[in-house]
Amino acid sequence: MKNQYIGDIGDYGKYGLLRFLSSKGIRIGINWYLTKDDKSNDGKMTKYLENDSEAVYDSELFFALKDIADKGKLKTIEDIESSNIIPDAAFFNEPLNTSDTPDRKRRQVIRDAWHKRAMKKLLNGTELIFADPDNGTLNCKRKPTINNGEKFATVYELADYYRSGKDVVYYCHKARRSEAKWTEKMNELKFVLPDVKIIVLTFHRGTQRSYIFGIHPEHYDKYNKLIADFLKTDWGKTSVRKKNIPFEREL
């Protein structure tokens, strides 16, 4: 996550999903995996905020994001946290910028300490941990000490939350993967958590963005029903965009 992404069309869908889960009594812990802004055009898909008909999905969220996006370069994730967009959520907003450290062994030390602080902040009283890395998860065979490794979560970090009793959900995108590679990617948590149950929701507005849930078997029925109910809302219908449905389930 970067501050520059706030208010983007992808943000709208992300918070729409998290707000729905929160409204059903799920207390969410959010690790932003916050990284530094860059000079790219990422996060500039905010034109939808000029069309009030888009508020049909979640009017309170829509107008809150509109106000925040109007801050331009001054917007930060603290604006999201203080706005109560996701009621009763816990947040970990410490930046992760290991690429600033030349020594790769030192990068791992920094990241491990950062991860421990995140767990300490997010485990108390939450049920679901949401991880929001820029680029999804790192290939299991690669180390997060690579350059730009902070843009990825690792399945091992996600597994730590899961083994602490929490269900997890994290951002990922298909990119240019083949269908076979994408299926493998969606099931990546099973590499370290053989018993985990996977649910995947994909948001199609703007560019494809997917949210991959790793659910404990005993919680699966609950989340399966929650996702089915979410897809019965306007987020799962063609009420505004006739050519595609905002959210669809893949797994």
Protein backbone atom coordinates (compact mmCIF):
# COMPACT_ATOMS: atom_id res chain seq x y z
CA MET A 1 0.00 0.00 0.00
CA LYS A 2 1.12 3.53 -0.78
CA ASN A 3 -0.48 6.79 0.30
CA GLN A 4 -0.77 7.70 -3.39
CA TYR A 5 -3.23 4.81 -3.91
CA ILE A 6 -5.86 6.22 -1.54
CA GLY A 7 -9.16 6.87 -3.28
CA ASP A 8 -8.28 4.86 -6.39
CA ILE A 9 -11.10 2.73 -7.81
CA GLY A 10 -9.33 -0.29 -6.36
CA ASP A 11 -9.50 1.29 -2.92
CA TYR A 12 -13.26 1.65 -3.30
CA GLY A 13 -13.71 -2.08 -3.86
CA LYS A 14 -11.24 -3.04 -1.14
CA TYR A 15 -12.93 -0.99 1.53
CA GLY A 16 -16.35 -2.05 0.29
CA LEU A 17 -15.43 -5.66 0.99
CA LEU A 18 -13.83 -4.96 4.36
CA ARG A 19 -16.73 -2.76 5.46
CA PHE A 20 -19.21 -5.49 4.65
CA LEU A 21 -17.29 -8.02 6.74
CA SER A 22 -16.98 -5.52 9.58
CA SER A 23 -20.74 -4.86 9.46
CA LYS A 24 -21.29 -8.58 10.05
CA GLY A 25 -19.31 -8.52 13.28
CA ILE A 26 -15.86 -9.49 11.97
CA ARG A 27 -13.16 -7.47 13.73
CA ILE A 28 -10.37 -6.88 11.23
CA GLY A 29 -6.68 -6.23 11.80
CA ILE A 30 -5.08 -4.36 8.90
CA ASN A 31 -1.39 -4.45 8.05
CA TRP A 32 -0.96 -1.89 5.31
CA TYR A 33 2.48 -3.10 4.27
CA LEU A 34 3.04 0.61 3.78
CA THR A 35 5.74 1.59 1.27
CA LYS A 36 7.01 4.90 -0.03
CA ASP A 37 5.18 6.76 -2.79
CA ASP A 38 6.84 6.70 -6.19
CA LYS A 39 6.61 8.70 -9.40
CA SER A 40 4.34 6.23 -11.20
CA ASN A 41 0.76 6.86 -12.30
CA ASP A 42 -0.50 4.08 -10.04
CA GLY A 43 -3.34 5.21 -7.82
CA LYS A 44 -4.67 7.85 -10.18
CA MET A 45 -7.88 6.03 -11.17
CA THR A 46 -10.08 8.46 -9.24
CA LYS A 47 -12.29 9.77 -12.03
CA TYR A 48 -15.14 7.57 -10.77
CA LEU A 49 -15.40 9.94 -7.79
CA GLU A 50 -16.72 12.61 -10.16
CA ASN A 51 -19.79 10.48 -10.87
CA ASP A 52 -22.14 10.33 -7.88
CA SER A 53 -24.01 7.39 -9.40
CA GLU A 54 -21.02 5.30 -8.34
CA ALA A 55 -22.15 5.83 -4.75
CA VAL A 56 -24.77 3.11 -5.28
CA TYR A 57 -22.36 0.49 -3.95
CA ASP A 58 -21.71 2.22 -0.62
CA SER A 59 -22.62 5.89 -0.40
CA GLU A 60 -20.96 6.53 2.97
CA LEU A 61 -17.71 5.04 1.71
CA PHE A 62 -17.91 6.81 -1.64
CA PHE A 63 -18.23 10.30 -0.19
CA ALA A 64 -15.62 9.63 2.50
CA LEU A 65 -13.11 8.61 -0.17
CA LYS A 66 -14.08 11.61 -2.26
CA ASP A 67 -13.24 13.95 0.62
CA ILE A 68 -9.94 12.21 1.30
CA ALA A 69 -8.92 12.07 -2.38
CA ASP A 70 -9.50 15.82 -2.63
CA LYS A 71 -6.44 16.27 -0.39
CA GLY A 72 -4.26 15.20 -3.31
CA LYS A 73 -0.66 14.62 -2.29
CA LEU A 74 -1.52 15.34 1.35
CA LYS A 75 -3.72 12.24 1.71
CA THR A 76 -2.39 9.47 3.94
CA ILE A 77 -3.58 6.18 5.36
CA GLU A 78 -4.14 8.00 8.65
CA ASP A 79 -7.08 9.64 6.88
CA ILE A 80 -8.57 6.19 6.32
CA GLU A 81 -7.92 5.10 9.89
CA SER A 82 -9.41 8.23 11.49
CA SER A 83 -12.47 8.28 9.21
CA ASN A 84 -13.90 5.08 10.72
CA ILE A 85 -14.35 3.70 7.21
CA ILE A 86 -13.70 0.23 8.65
CA PRO A 87 -15.39 0.30 12.07
CA ASP A 88 -13.56 -1.21 15.04
CA ALA A 89 -10.55 -2.21 12.93
CA ALA A 90 -7.01 -2.40 14.31
CA PHE A 91 -4.23 -0.92 12.15
CA PHE A 92 -0.49 -1.34 11.76
CA ASN A 93 0.85 1.53 9.69
CA GLU A 94 4.59 1.35 10.26
CA PRO A 95 6.38 1.76 6.88
CA LEU A 96 8.41 -1.10 5.47
CA ASN A 97 11.33 0.15 3.38
CA THR A 98 14.03 -2.49 3.59
CA SER A 99 15.46 -1.60 0.17
CA ASP A 100 16.95 1.50 1.79
CA THR A 101 19.35 -0.86 3.61
CA PRO A 102 22.21 -2.12 1.38
CA ASP A 103 23.08 -5.21 3.45
CA ARG A 104 20.65 -8.04 2.74
CA LYS A 105 21.22 -9.81 6.05
CA ARG A 106 20.35 -6.58 7.81
CA ARG A 107 17.21 -6.28 5.67
CA GLN A 108 15.98 -9.61 7.02
CA VAL A 109 16.61 -8.52 10.60
CA ILE A 110 14.68 -5.30 10.00
CA ARG A 111 11.80 -7.13 8.35
CA ASP A 112 11.55 -9.80 11.04
CA ALA A 113 11.39 -7.14 13.75
CA TRP A 114 8.78 -5.20 11.77
CA HIS A 115 6.68 -8.36 11.38
CA LYS A 116 6.83 -9.10 15.11
CA ARG A 117 5.65 -5.57 15.90
CA ALA A 118 2.80 -5.97 13.44
CA MET A 119 1.68 -9.22 15.02
CA LYS A 120 1.84 -7.72 18.51
CA LYS A 121 -0.37 -4.83 17.36
CA LEU A 122 -2.90 -6.81 15.33
CA LEU A 123 -3.51 -10.10 17.14
CA ASN A 124 -5.34 -8.72 20.16
CA GLY A 125 -9.10 -9.06 19.75
CA THR A 126 -9.19 -9.48 15.97
CA GLU A 127 -10.60 -12.36 13.91
CA LEU A 128 -9.40 -11.59 10.39
CA ILE A 129 -6.05 -10.14 9.36
CA PHE A 130 -5.93 -8.20 6.09
CA ALA A 131 -2.54 -7.71 4.45
CA ASP A 132 -2.30 -5.05 1.73
CA PRO A 133 1.08 -5.37 -0.03
CA ASP A 134 1.65 -3.50 -3.30
CA ASN A 135 2.21 -6.65 -5.35
CA GLY A 136 0.70 -9.57 -3.46
CA THR A 137 2.84 -12.43 -2.21
CA LEU A 138 6.43 -13.25 -3.00
CA ASN A 139 7.23 -16.54 -4.68
CA CYS A 140 7.91 -19.06 -1.92
CA LYS A 141 11.39 -19.72 -3.32
CA ARG A 142 12.46 -16.08 -3.14
CA LYS A 143 13.55 -14.14 -0.08
CA PRO A 144 12.00 -10.81 0.94
CA THR A 145 15.50 -9.34 1.12
CA ILE A 146 15.47 -8.81 -2.66
CA ASN A 147 15.29 -5.23 -3.93
CA ASN A 148 11.70 -4.00 -3.57
CA GLY A 149 10.93 -7.00 -1.36
CA GLU A 150 8.85 -4.69 0.83
CA LYS A 151 6.24 -4.59 -1.94
CA PHE A 152 5.32 -8.19 -1.15
CA ALA A 153 3.96 -10.14 1.77
CA THR A 154 5.35 -13.61 2.29
CA VAL A 155 3.28 -16.75 2.82
CA TYR A 156 5.33 -17.35 5.95
CA GLU A 157 4.25 -14.03 7.45
CA LEU A 158 0.63 -14.78 6.60
CA ALA A 159 1.03 -18.26 8.07
CA ASP A 160 2.19 -16.75 11.37
CA TYR A 161 -1.15 -14.96 11.70
CA TYR A 162 -3.03 -18.12 10.74
CA ARG A 163 -1.15 -20.27 13.26
CA SER A 164 -2.00 -17.66 15.90
CA GLY A 165 -5.64 -18.51 15.33
CA LYS A 166 -6.54 -15.76 12.86
CA ASP A 167 -8.07 -16.10 9.43
CA VAL A 168 -6.29 -14.06 6.79
CA VAL A 169 -7.07 -12.22 3.57
CA TYR A 170 -4.55 -10.49 1.36
CA TYR A 171 -4.34 -8.47 -1.82
CA CYS A 172 -2.88 -10.05 -4.95
CA HIS A 173 -3.20 -9.54 -8.68
CA LYS A 174 -3.07 -11.92 -11.60
CA ALA A 175 -0.62 -9.84 -13.68
CA ARG A 176 0.45 -11.79 -16.78
CA ARG A 177 0.19 -15.25 -15.27
CA SER A 178 -1.38 -18.04 -17.28
CA GLU A 179 -4.57 -19.58 -15.89
CA ALA A 180 -2.55 -22.52 -14.56
CA LYS A 181 -0.03 -20.22 -12.87
CA TRP A 182 -2.81 -18.06 -11.46
CA THR A 183 -4.56 -21.11 -9.98
CA GLU A 184 -1.25 -22.10 -8.41
CA LYS A 185 -0.80 -18.58 -7.05
CA MET A 186 -4.28 -18.47 -5.55
CA ASN A 187 -3.55 -21.68 -3.66
CA GLU A 188 -0.07 -20.63 -2.56
CA LEU A 189 -0.89 -20.62 1.15
CA LYS A 190 -1.38 -24.38 1.00
CA PHE A 191 2.38 -24.65 0.48
CA VAL A 192 2.84 -23.88 4.18
CA LEU A 193 -0.69 -24.48 5.52
CA PRO A 194 -2.00 -27.78 4.09
CA ASP A 195 -5.31 -27.54 5.96
CA VAL A 196 -6.17 -23.97 4.92
CA LYS A 197 -9.39 -23.31 3.00
CA ILE A 198 -9.08 -20.80 0.16
CA ILE A 199 -11.69 -18.32 -1.04
CA VAL A 200 -10.84 -15.79 -3.76
CA LEU A 201 -12.79 -12.68 -4.72
CA THR A 202 -11.72 -10.60 -7.70
CA PHE A 203 -12.61 -6.94 -8.23
CA HIS A 204 -12.74 -6.08 -11.94
CA ARG A 205 -13.03 -2.30 -11.92
CA GLY A 206 -9.93 -0.56 -13.22
CA THR A 207 -7.40 -3.36 -13.25
CA GLN A 208 -8.00 -6.83 -11.88
CA ARG A 209 -7.48 -7.00 -8.12
CA SER A 210 -7.98 -10.18 -6.13
CA TYR A 211 -8.47 -10.82 -2.43
CA ILE A 212 -7.33 -14.25 -1.30
CA PHE A 213 -8.75 -15.59 1.95
CA GLY A 214 -7.00 -18.25 4.00
CA ILE A 215 -9.66 -19.66 6.32
CA HIS A 216 -9.47 -22.20 9.12
CA PRO A 217 -11.58 -25.26 8.24
CA GLU A 218 -13.88 -24.72 11.23
CA HIS A 219 -14.59 -21.15 10.04
CA TYR A 220 -15.09 -21.95 6.38
CA ASP A 221 -18.89 -22.27 6.42
CA LYS A 222 -19.20 -18.87 8.12
CA TYR A 223 -17.00 -17.12 5.56
CA ASN A 224 -18.52 -19.02 2.67
CA LYS A 225 -21.92 -17.62 3.66
CA LEU A 226 -20.55 -14.12 4.25
CA ILE A 227 -19.01 -14.03 0.78
CA ALA A 228 -22.23 -15.34 -0.78
CA ASP A 229 -24.19 -12.59 1.01
CA PHE A 230 -21.67 -9.95 -0.09
CA LEU A 231 -22.12 -10.98 -3.72
CA LYS A 232 -25.87 -10.47 -3.35
CA THR A 233 -25.28 -6.77 -2.70
CA ASP A 234 -24.68 -4.20 -5.43
CA TRP A 235 -20.99 -5.11 -5.28
CA GLY A 236 -21.90 -8.39 -6.96
CA LYS A 237 -24.33 -6.97 -9.52
CA THR A 238 -24.20 -4.91 -12.70
CA SER A 239 -26.15 -1.99 -11.25
CA VAL A 240 -23.77 0.69 -12.58
CA ARG A 241 -21.35 -0.94 -15.00
CA LYS A 242 -23.33 -3.06 -17.46
CA LYS A 243 -20.32 -4.76 -19.01
CA ASN A 244 -18.95 -6.42 -15.90
CA ILE A 245 -19.76 -7.27 -12.32
CA PRO A 246 -17.56 -5.44 -9.80
CA PHE A 247 -16.81 -8.49 -7.65
CA GLU A 248 -16.83 -12.15 -8.64
CA ARG A 249 -15.76 -15.26 -6.82
CA GLU A 250 -13.00 -17.41 -8.33
CA LEU A 251 -12.48 -20.06 -5.64
